[in-house]
């Protein structure tokens, strides 16, 4: 009788664990379904893919913005993946996360720069482009048939107000920094930058 009770208890525990797994899977099938804890799991997965990507960092001084990235090869016979992209003569990006998504966004940003130059005969202001980019990120979190971009960007820009360094997230958040690092081991890079920012 005691062994039958134990079997029933272990079966109940397994069912409870599987219910917990099923419960989570019910809420991560699309991006517009909130979990009972108030989370969008697909957005969290996209943010996690940024954290898993190789590190990119940027730093801004009074006159310049510098971007740097750690390139790692996926295999012995494969080439390094590109981590820095030129968007226009005054804008560049560094990425962490899914390279395919970054290339798609880089193409969109180049098109926006060309359209602005054609229409207004002047280069686009970096803040306006990055604000539109953040809106594009955020729009991917509003419809169930879309998915968030699994990439974070550091955007370096220069305009009449001087140099700028922005960060965008898969959730659509936008920040401006003096120095920032994203990707794997970004915390140690941020600690170093915080200690030495006054020397730049």
C-alpha atoms as a PDB file:
ATOM      1  CA  UNK A   1       0.000   0.000   0.000  1.00  0.00           C
ATOM      2  CA  UNK A   2       2.887   2.338   0.854  1.00  0.00           C
ATOM      3  CA  UNK A   3       4.603   1.632  -2.478  1.00  0.00           C
ATOM      4  CA  UNK A   4       1.332   2.306  -4.328  1.00  0.00           C
ATOM      5  CA  UNK A   5       1.060   5.641  -2.466  1.00  0.00           C
ATOM      6  CA  UNK A   6       4.640   6.499  -3.460  1.00  0.00           C
ATOM      7  CA  UNK A   7       3.929   5.656  -7.097  1.00  0.00           C
ATOM      8  CA  UNK A   8       0.828   7.834  -7.041  1.00  0.00           C
ATOM      9  CA  UNK A   9       2.791  10.668  -5.399  1.00  0.00           C
ATOM     10  CA  UNK A  10       5.616  10.520  -7.966  1.00  0.00           C
ATOM     11  CA  UNK A  11       3.092  10.391 -10.815  1.00  0.00           C
ATOM     12  CA  UNK A  12       1.365  13.441  -9.356  1.00  0.00           C
ATOM     13  CA  UNK A  13       4.722  15.254  -9.125  1.00  0.00           C
ATOM     14  CA  UNK A  14       5.524  14.422 -12.763  1.00  0.00           C
ATOM     15  CA  UNK A  15       2.076  15.618 -13.849  1.00  0.00           C
ATOM     16  CA  UNK A  16       2.576  18.855 -11.903  1.00  0.00           C
ATOM     17  CA  UNK A  17       5.972  19.408 -13.538  1.00  0.00           C
ATOM     18  CA  UNK A  18       4.562  18.737 -16.990  1.00  0.00           C
ATOM     19  CA  UNK A  19       1.662  21.098 -16.248  1.00  0.00           C
ATOM     20  CA  UNK A  20       4.234  23.783 -15.388  1.00  0.00           C
ATOM     21  CA  UNK A  21       6.027  23.176 -18.681  1.00  0.00           C
ATOM     22  CA  UNK A  22       2.759  23.129 -20.606  1.00  0.00           C
ATOM     23  CA  UNK A  23       1.688  26.283 -18.829  1.00  0.00           C
ATOM     24  CA  UNK A  24       4.775  28.124 -20.040  1.00  0.00           C
ATOM     25  CA  UNK A  25       4.455  26.720 -23.575  1.00  0.00           C
ATOM     26  CA  UNK A  26       0.906  27.998 -23.780  1.00  0.00           C
ATOM     27  CA  UNK A  27       2.196  31.570 -23.533  1.00  0.00           C
ATOM     28  CA  UNK A  28       5.270  31.532 -25.773  1.00  0.00           C
ATOM     29  CA  UNK A  29       3.681  30.480 -29.066  1.00  0.00           C
ATOM     30  CA  UNK A  30       3.191  34.072 -30.222  1.00  0.00           C
ATOM     31  CA  UNK A  31       4.467  37.499 -29.281  1.00  0.00           C
ATOM     32  CA  UNK A  32       1.199  39.155 -28.281  1.00  0.00           C
ATOM     33  CA  UNK A  33       0.113  36.697 -25.546  1.00  0.00           C
ATOM     34  CA  UNK A  34       0.921  37.779 -21.992  1.00  0.00           C
ATOM     35  CA  UNK A  35       1.741  35.124 -19.389  1.00  0.00           C
ATOM     36  CA  UNK A  36       0.046  35.237 -15.940  1.00  0.00           C
ATOM     37  CA  UNK A  37       3.315  36.731 -14.599  1.00  0.00           C
ATOM     38  CA  UNK A  38       2.949  39.666 -17.012  1.00  0.00           C
ATOM     39  CA  UNK A  39       5.698  38.581 -19.400  1.00  0.00           C
ATOM     40  CA  UNK A  40       5.981  38.316 -23.170  1.00  0.00           C
ATOM     41  CA  UNK A  41       8.146  35.201 -23.478  1.00  0.00           C
ATOM     42  CA  UNK A  42       9.029  35.752 -27.139  1.00  0.00           C
ATOM     43  CA  UNK A  43      10.397  39.231 -26.349  1.00  0.00           C
ATOM     44  CA  UNK A  44      12.405  37.715 -23.487  1.00  0.00           C
ATOM     45  CA  UNK A  45      13.809  35.057 -25.850  1.00  0.00           C
ATOM     46  CA  UNK A  46      14.848  37.806 -28.292  1.00  0.00           C
ATOM     47  CA  UNK A  47      16.571  39.746 -25.502  1.00  0.00           C
ATOM     48  CA  UNK A  48      18.332  36.524 -24.470  1.00  0.00           C
ATOM     49  CA  UNK A  49      19.627  36.050 -28.029  1.00  0.00           C
ATOM     50  CA  UNK A  50      21.229  39.507 -27.744  1.00  0.00           C
ATOM     51  CA  UNK A  51      22.896  38.450 -24.475  1.00  0.00           C
ATOM     52  CA  UNK A  52      24.206  35.275 -26.154  1.00  0.00           C
ATOM     53  CA  UNK A  53      25.704  37.165 -29.144  1.00  0.00           C
ATOM     54  CA  UNK A  54      29.362  38.139 -29.195  1.00  0.00           C
ATOM     55  CA  UNK A  55      30.209  41.449 -27.550  1.00  0.00           C
ATOM     56  CA  UNK A  56      29.988  44.860 -29.236  1.00  0.00           C
ATOM     57  CA  UNK A  57      30.825  48.121 -27.536  1.00  0.00           C
ATOM     58  CA  UNK A  58      30.786  51.816 -28.291  1.00  0.00           C
ATOM     59  CA  UNK A  59      32.225  54.907 -26.662  1.00  0.00           C
ATOM     60  CA  UNK A  60      31.609  58.584 -27.370  1.00  0.00           C
ATOM     61  CA  UNK A  61      33.908  61.542 -26.790  1.00  0.00           C
ATOM     62  CA  UNK A  62      33.401  65.245 -27.490  1.00  0.00           C
ATOM     63  CA  UNK A  63      34.350  64.818 -31.160  1.00  0.00           C
ATOM     64  CA  UNK A  64      34.146  61.113 -32.056  1.00  0.00           C
ATOM     65  CA  UNK A  65      32.233  57.870 -31.617  1.00  0.00           C
ATOM     66  CA  UNK A  66      34.099  54.557 -31.762  1.00  0.00           C
ATOM     67  CA  UNK A  67      32.482  51.138 -32.237  1.00  0.00           C
ATOM     68  CA  UNK A  68      34.325  47.851 -31.654  1.00  0.00           C
ATOM     69  CA  UNK A  69      33.156  44.251 -31.878  1.00  0.00           C
ATOM     70  CA  UNK A  70      34.456  40.811 -31.009  1.00  0.00           C
ATOM     71  CA  UNK A  71      34.169  38.581 -34.067  1.00  0.00           C
ATOM     72  CA  UNK A  72      34.037  34.860 -33.487  1.00  0.00           C
ATOM     73  CA  UNK A  73      33.941  32.106 -36.059  1.00  0.00           C
ATOM     74  CA  UNK A  74      31.129  29.552 -35.878  1.00  0.00           C
ATOM     75  CA  UNK A  75      33.408  26.792 -37.191  1.00  0.00           C
ATOM     76  CA  UNK A  76      36.948  26.021 -38.262  1.00  0.00           C
ATOM     77  CA  UNK A  77      36.149  26.291 -41.964  1.00  0.00           C
ATOM     78  CA  UNK A  78      33.700  29.192 -41.794  1.00  0.00           C
ATOM     79  CA  UNK A  79      34.582  32.864 -42.067  1.00  0.00           C
ATOM     80  CA  UNK A  80      33.969  35.411 -39.337  1.00  0.00           C
ATOM     81  CA  UNK A  81      30.527  36.981 -39.234  1.00  0.00           C
ATOM     82  CA  UNK A  82      30.356  40.707 -39.843  1.00  0.00           C
ATOM     83  CA  UNK A  83      29.589  42.682 -36.694  1.00  0.00           C
ATOM     84  CA  UNK A  84      30.006  46.317 -37.828  1.00  0.00           C
ATOM     85  CA  UNK A  85      27.993  47.842 -40.679  1.00  0.00           C
ATOM     86  CA  UNK A  86      28.258  51.188 -42.430  1.00  0.00           C
ATOM     87  CA  UNK A  87      24.819  52.725 -42.890  1.00  0.00           C
ATOM     88  CA  UNK A  88      25.725  56.165 -44.266  1.00  0.00           C
ATOM     89  CA  UNK A  89      28.717  58.513 -44.248  1.00  0.00           C
ATOM     90  CA  UNK A  90      27.743  59.656 -40.741  1.00  0.00           C
ATOM     91  CA  UNK A  91      26.097  56.521 -39.250  1.00  0.00           C
ATOM     92  CA  UNK A  92      27.379  53.039 -38.407  1.00  0.00           C
ATOM     93  CA  UNK A  93      26.124  50.149 -36.273  1.00  0.00           C
ATOM     94  CA  UNK A  94      27.570  47.380 -34.118  1.00  0.00           C
ATOM     95  CA  UNK A  95      25.432  44.304 -33.430  1.00  0.00           C
ATOM     96  CA  UNK A  96      24.919  41.492 -30.922  1.00  0.00           C
ATOM     97  CA  UNK A  97      22.456  38.693 -31.638  1.00  0.00           C
ATOM     98  CA  UNK A  98      21.077  37.279 -34.877  1.00  0.00           C
ATOM     99  CA  UNK A  99      23.146  38.500 -37.825  1.00  0.00           C
ATOM    100  CA  UNK A 100      20.349  37.870 -40.333  1.00  0.00           C
ATOM    101  CA  UNK A 101      18.034  40.236 -38.452  1.00  0.00           C
ATOM    102  CA  UNK A 102      20.833  42.821 -38.220  1.00  0.00           C
ATOM    103  CA  UNK A 103      21.406  42.702 -41.982  1.00  0.00           C
ATOM    104  CA  UNK A 104      17.686  43.157 -42.601  1.00  0.00           C
ATOM    105  CA  UNK A 105      17.624  46.210 -40.301  1.00  0.00           C
ATOM    106  CA  UNK A 106      20.834  47.599 -41.834  1.00  0.00           C
ATOM    107  CA  UNK A 107      19.246  47.411 -45.302  1.00  0.00           C
ATOM    108  CA  UNK A 108      16.146  49.221 -44.006  1.00  0.00           C
ATOM    109  CA  UNK A 109      18.296  51.935 -42.366  1.00  0.00           C
ATOM    110  CA  UNK A 110      20.299  52.468 -45.580  1.00  0.00           C
ATOM    111  CA  UNK A 111      17.054  52.837 -47.533  1.00  0.00           C
ATOM    112  CA  UNK A 112      15.757  55.413 -45.028  1.00  0.00           C
ATOM    113  CA  UNK A 113      19.016  57.388 -45.321  1.00  0.00           C
ATOM    114  CA  UNK A 114      18.832  57.355 -49.128  1.00  0.00           C
ATOM    115  CA  UNK A 115      15.167  58.389 -49.158  1.00  0.00           C
ATOM    116  CA  UNK A 116      15.856  61.295 -46.813  1.00  0.00           C
ATOM    117  CA  UNK A 117      18.867  62.433 -48.846  1.00  0.00           C
ATOM    118  CA  UNK A 118      16.844  62.244 -52.075  1.00  0.00           C
ATOM    119  CA  UNK A 119      13.836  64.086 -50.636  1.00  0.00           C
ATOM    120  CA  UNK A 120      15.540  66.788 -48.535  1.00  0.00           C
ATOM    121  CA  UNK A 121      19.023  66.955 -50.080  1.00  0.00           C
ATOM    122  CA  UNK A 122      20.644  66.549 -46.655  1.00  0.00           C
ATOM    123  CA  UNK A 123      21.744  63.617 -44.487  1.00  0.00           C
ATOM    124  CA  UNK A 124      19.202  62.284 -42.008  1.00  0.00           C
ATOM    125  CA  UNK A 125      19.589  63.291 -38.354  1.00  0.00           C
ATOM    126  CA  UNK A 126      20.808  60.219 -36.489  1.00  0.00           C
ATOM    127  CA  UNK A 127      18.328  60.665 -33.627  1.00  0.00           C
ATOM    128  CA  UNK A 128      15.372  60.619 -36.003  1.00  0.00           C
ATOM    129  CA  UNK A 129      16.582  57.457 -37.770  1.00  0.00           C
ATOM    130  CA  UNK A 130      17.186  55.649 -34.475  1.00  0.00           C
ATOM    131  CA  UNK A 131      13.770  56.697 -33.153  1.00  0.00           C
ATOM    132  CA  UNK A 132      12.150  55.210 -36.278  1.00  0.00           C
ATOM    133  CA  UNK A 133      14.299  52.102 -35.813  1.00  0.00           C
ATOM    134  CA  UNK A 134      13.047  51.671 -32.233  1.00  0.00           C
ATOM    135  CA  UNK A 135       9.454  52.010 -33.514  1.00  0.00           C
ATOM    136  CA  UNK A 136      10.208  49.280 -36.057  1.00  0.00           C
ATOM    137  CA  UNK A 137      11.523  47.029 -33.275  1.00  0.00           C
ATOM    138  CA  UNK A 138       8.449  47.701 -31.163  1.00  0.00           C
ATOM    139  CA  UNK A 139       5.979  47.119 -34.023  1.00  0.00           C
ATOM    140  CA  UNK A 140       7.181  43.507 -34.192  1.00  0.00           C
ATOM    141  CA  UNK A 141       5.845  42.926 -30.665  1.00  0.00           C
ATOM    142  CA  UNK A 142       2.260  43.955 -31.479  1.00  0.00           C
ATOM    143  CA  UNK A 143       0.969  41.263 -33.842  1.00  0.00           C
ATOM    144  CA  UNK A 144       0.761  37.521 -33.217  1.00  0.00           C
ATOM    145  CA  UNK A 145       2.010  36.598 -36.708  1.00  0.00           C
ATOM    146  CA  UNK A 146       5.275  38.545 -36.282  1.00  0.00           C
ATOM    147  CA  UNK A 147       8.321  37.887 -34.117  1.00  0.00           C
ATOM    148  CA  UNK A 148      10.678  40.330 -32.388  1.00  0.00           C
ATOM    149  CA  UNK A 149      14.042  41.054 -33.980  1.00  0.00           C
ATOM    150  CA  UNK A 150      16.593  38.935 -32.117  1.00  0.00           C
ATOM    151  CA  UNK A 151      19.316  41.566 -32.309  1.00  0.00           C
ATOM    152  CA  UNK A 152      20.504  44.546 -30.306  1.00  0.00           C
ATOM    153  CA  UNK A 153      22.171  47.477 -32.042  1.00  0.00           C
ATOM    154  CA  UNK A 154      24.674  50.097 -31.001  1.00  0.00           C
ATOM    155  CA  UNK A 155      24.229  53.004 -33.390  1.00  0.00           C
ATOM    156  CA  UNK A 156      27.001  55.578 -33.791  1.00  0.00           C
ATOM    157  CA  UNK A 157      25.975  58.803 -35.470  1.00  0.00           C
ATOM    158  CA  UNK A 158      27.276  62.303 -36.085  1.00  0.00           C
ATOM    159  CA  UNK A 159      25.142  65.352 -36.833  1.00  0.00           C
ATOM    160  CA  UNK A 160      25.128  69.120 -36.255  1.00  0.00           C
ATOM    161  CA  UNK A 161      24.871  68.528 -32.488  1.00  0.00           C
ATOM    162  CA  UNK A 162      27.998  66.366 -32.464  1.00  0.00           C
ATOM    163  CA  UNK A 163      28.541  62.619 -31.938  1.00  0.00           C
ATOM    164  CA  UNK A 164      25.874  60.279 -30.541  1.00  0.00           C
ATOM    165  CA  UNK A 165      25.805  56.677 -29.311  1.00  0.00           C
ATOM    166  CA  UNK A 166      22.431  54.897 -29.116  1.00  0.00           C
ATOM    167  CA  UNK A 167      21.324  51.416 -28.120  1.00  0.00           C
ATOM    168  CA  UNK A 168      18.162  49.676 -29.331  1.00  0.00           C
ATOM    169  CA  UNK A 169      16.581  46.549 -27.831  1.00  0.00           C
ATOM    170  CA  UNK A 170      14.251  43.893 -29.323  1.00  0.00           C
ATOM    171  CA  UNK A 171      11.506  45.273 -27.057  1.00  0.00           C
ATOM    172  CA  UNK A 172      11.665  48.669 -28.778  1.00  0.00           C
ATOM    173  CA  UNK A 173      13.473  50.529 -25.980  1.00  0.00           C
ATOM    174  CA  UNK A 174      15.920  53.230 -27.042  1.00  0.00           C
ATOM    175  CA  UNK A 175      18.771  54.665 -24.980  1.00  0.00           C
ATOM    176  CA  UNK A 176      21.556  57.181 -25.535  1.00  0.00           C
ATOM    177  CA  UNK A 177      24.904  56.619 -23.810  1.00  0.00           C
ATOM    178  CA  UNK A 178      28.418  57.944 -23.449  1.00  0.00           C
ATOM    179  CA  UNK A 179      29.682  54.341 -23.458  1.00  0.00           C
ATOM    180  CA  UNK A 180      27.889  51.004 -23.702  1.00  0.00           C
ATOM    181  CA  UNK A 181      28.515  47.300 -24.339  1.00  0.00           C
ATOM    182  CA  UNK A 182      26.033  44.606 -25.416  1.00  0.00           C
ATOM    183  CA  UNK A 183      26.298  40.859 -25.919  1.00  0.00           C
ATOM    184  CA  UNK A 184      28.110  38.079 -24.067  1.00  0.00           C
ATOM    185  CA  UNK A 185      30.418  39.281 -21.273  1.00  0.00           C
ATOM    186  CA  UNK A 186      29.081  42.815 -21.731  1.00  0.00           C
ATOM    187  CA  UNK A 187      28.993  43.337 -17.960  1.00  0.00           C
ATOM    188  CA  UNK A 188      32.795  43.130 -17.608  1.00  0.00           C
ATOM    189  CA  UNK A 189      33.176  45.523 -20.561  1.00  0.00           C
ATOM    190  CA  UNK A 190      30.713  47.961 -18.951  1.00  0.00           C
ATOM    191  CA  UNK A 191      32.597  47.777 -15.646  1.00  0.00           C
ATOM    192  CA  UNK A 192      35.849  48.618 -17.436  1.00  0.00           C
ATOM    193  CA  UNK A 193      34.224  51.497 -19.314  1.00  0.00           C
ATOM    194  CA  UNK A 194      32.736  52.911 -16.120  1.00  0.00           C
ATOM    195  CA  UNK A 195      36.154  52.890 -14.450  1.00  0.00           C
ATOM    196  CA  UNK A 196      37.996  54.511 -17.350  1.00  0.00           C
ATOM    197  CA  UNK A 197      35.361  56.761 -19.008  1.00  0.00           C
ATOM    198  CA  UNK A 198      37.004  59.901 -17.627  1.00  0.00           C
ATOM    199  CA  UNK A 199      40.254  59.152 -19.524  1.00  0.00           C
ATOM    200  CA  UNK A 200      38.558  59.181 -22.954  1.00  0.00           C
END
